[in-house]
Amino acid sequence: MLEHGAGGVCVVEPVAPAAFVEGRPIHILIADDHEIVRLGLRAILEARPQWKVVAEAANGKEAISKALASKPDVVIMDYSLPLMNGLEATRQIRFMRASPRRKS
């Protein structure tokens, strides 16, 4: 699910039920090209003990690689990012997460 919030922020995927079932914190990735925004969001989000920022990205391509590496439950994505906009990065993250893994 893709929702557009204020300021061009896109939220990818609703909170994964697995986080609640497993009793672990909800893992979050923040993608924004402004460091001060990432820092502010991190401070707000991590004030809640059940939320944990597991990765940050400053551009769309970095958001994709960090999402694949950290497997967050939630991605907070700015729409206007360098190298690749947030909408395209969101599409690629969703596609890669939905694609079946090949066995080696």
Protein backbone atom coordinates (compact mmCIF):
# COMPACT_ATOMS: atom_id res chain seq x y z
CA MET A 1 0.00 0.00 0.00
CA LEU A 2 1.30 3.45 -0.90
CA GLU A 3 0.01 6.53 0.84
CA HIS A 4 1.01 10.13 0.25
CA GLY A 5 1.42 12.28 3.31
CA ALA A 6 2.17 15.92 3.90
CA GLY A 7 5.34 17.32 2.38
CA GLY A 8 5.59 14.68 -0.32
CA VAL A 9 6.36 11.84 2.10
CA CYS A 10 5.33 8.37 0.96
CA VAL A 11 4.73 5.57 3.43
CA VAL A 12 5.32 2.10 2.00
CA GLU A 13 3.49 -0.89 3.39
CA PRO A 14 1.37 -0.83 6.52
CA VAL A 15 3.07 -2.05 9.68
CA ALA A 16 3.92 -5.70 9.24
CA PRO A 17 1.89 -7.92 11.54
CA ALA A 18 5.02 -10.03 12.16
CA ALA A 19 6.47 -7.25 14.31
CA PHE A 20 3.49 -7.48 16.64
CA VAL A 21 3.36 -11.27 16.67
CA GLU A 22 7.08 -11.61 17.33
CA GLY A 23 6.97 -8.94 20.05
CA ARG A 24 9.88 -7.07 18.50
CA PRO A 25 10.17 -3.37 17.68
CA ILE A 26 8.77 -2.16 14.37
CA HIS A 27 11.77 -1.64 12.06
CA ILE A 28 11.72 1.62 10.09
CA LEU A 29 13.78 3.01 7.19
CA ILE A 30 13.84 6.79 6.66
CA ALA A 31 14.65 8.09 3.15
CA ASP A 32 15.07 11.85 2.80
CA ASP A 33 17.81 13.90 1.19
CA HIS A 34 17.88 16.40 4.06
CA GLU A 35 19.91 15.15 7.01
CA ILE A 36 18.09 17.46 9.45
CA VAL A 37 14.76 15.89 8.43
CA ARG A 38 16.14 12.37 8.93
CA LEU A 39 17.52 13.33 12.33
CA GLY A 40 14.22 14.91 13.40
CA LEU A 41 12.15 11.95 12.23
CA ARG A 42 14.53 9.52 13.93
CA ALA A 43 14.23 11.42 17.23
CA ILE A 44 10.43 11.45 17.05
CA LEU A 45 10.12 7.81 16.01
CA GLU A 46 12.65 6.40 18.45
CA ALA A 47 10.95 8.19 21.35
CA ARG A 48 8.54 5.25 21.16
CA PRO A 49 10.22 2.11 22.52
CA GLN A 50 8.33 -0.16 20.12
CA TRP A 51 9.76 1.64 17.04
CA LYS A 52 13.36 1.33 15.84
CA VAL A 53 14.98 3.14 12.90
CA VAL A 54 17.15 0.47 11.29
CA ALA A 55 18.41 2.46 8.29
CA GLU A 56 18.55 5.90 6.67
CA ALA A 57 19.01 6.85 3.02
CA ALA A 58 19.79 10.19 1.34
CA ASN A 59 18.70 9.25 -2.20
CA GLY A 60 16.39 6.84 -4.00
CA LYS A 61 19.04 4.31 -5.02
CA GLU A 62 20.43 4.17 -1.50
CA ALA A 63 16.87 3.68 -0.18
CA ILE A 64 16.49 0.59 -2.35
CA SER A 65 19.78 -0.98 -1.25
CA LYS A 66 19.18 -0.19 2.41
CA ALA A 67 15.60 -1.52 2.28
CA LEU A 68 16.81 -4.79 0.79
CA ALA A 69 19.62 -5.08 3.35
CA SER A 70 17.65 -4.09 6.46
CA LYS A 71 14.19 -5.47 5.53
CA PRO A 72 12.22 -2.80 7.42
CA ASP A 73 8.56 -3.18 8.32
CA VAL A 74 7.93 0.47 7.36
CA VAL A 75 9.64 2.81 4.91
CA ILE A 76 9.16 6.56 5.25
CA MET A 77 10.12 7.94 1.85
CA ASP A 78 10.42 11.53 0.64
CA TYR A 79 8.99 11.91 -2.86
CA SER A 80 11.66 14.30 -4.12
CA LEU A 81 14.98 12.47 -3.83
CA PRO A 82 18.17 12.73 -5.92
CA LEU A 83 19.24 9.91 -8.30
CA MET A 84 15.75 8.38 -8.22
CA ASN A 85 12.50 9.88 -6.94
CA GLY A 86 10.72 8.34 -3.99
CA LEU A 87 7.84 6.98 -6.04
CA GLU A 88 10.12 4.97 -8.34
CA ALA A 89 12.24 3.81 -5.40
CA THR A 90 9.04 2.69 -3.66
CA ARG A 91 7.94 0.75 -6.74
CA GLN A 92 11.29 -1.02 -6.94
CA ILE A 93 11.36 -1.86 -3.23
CA ARG A 94 7.85 -3.32 -3.41
CA PHE A 95 8.71 -5.29 -6.56
CA MET A 96 11.92 -6.70 -5.09
CA ARG A 97 10.24 -7.63 -1.81
CA ALA A 98 7.39 -9.36 -3.65
CA SER A 99 9.64 -11.27 -6.07
CA PRO A 100 10.24 -14.90 -5.14
CA ARG A 101 13.79 -15.66 -4.12
CA ARG A 102 15.72 -18.04 -6.37
CA LYS A 103 17.62 -20.88 -4.73
CA SER A 104 21.31 -21.11 -5.63
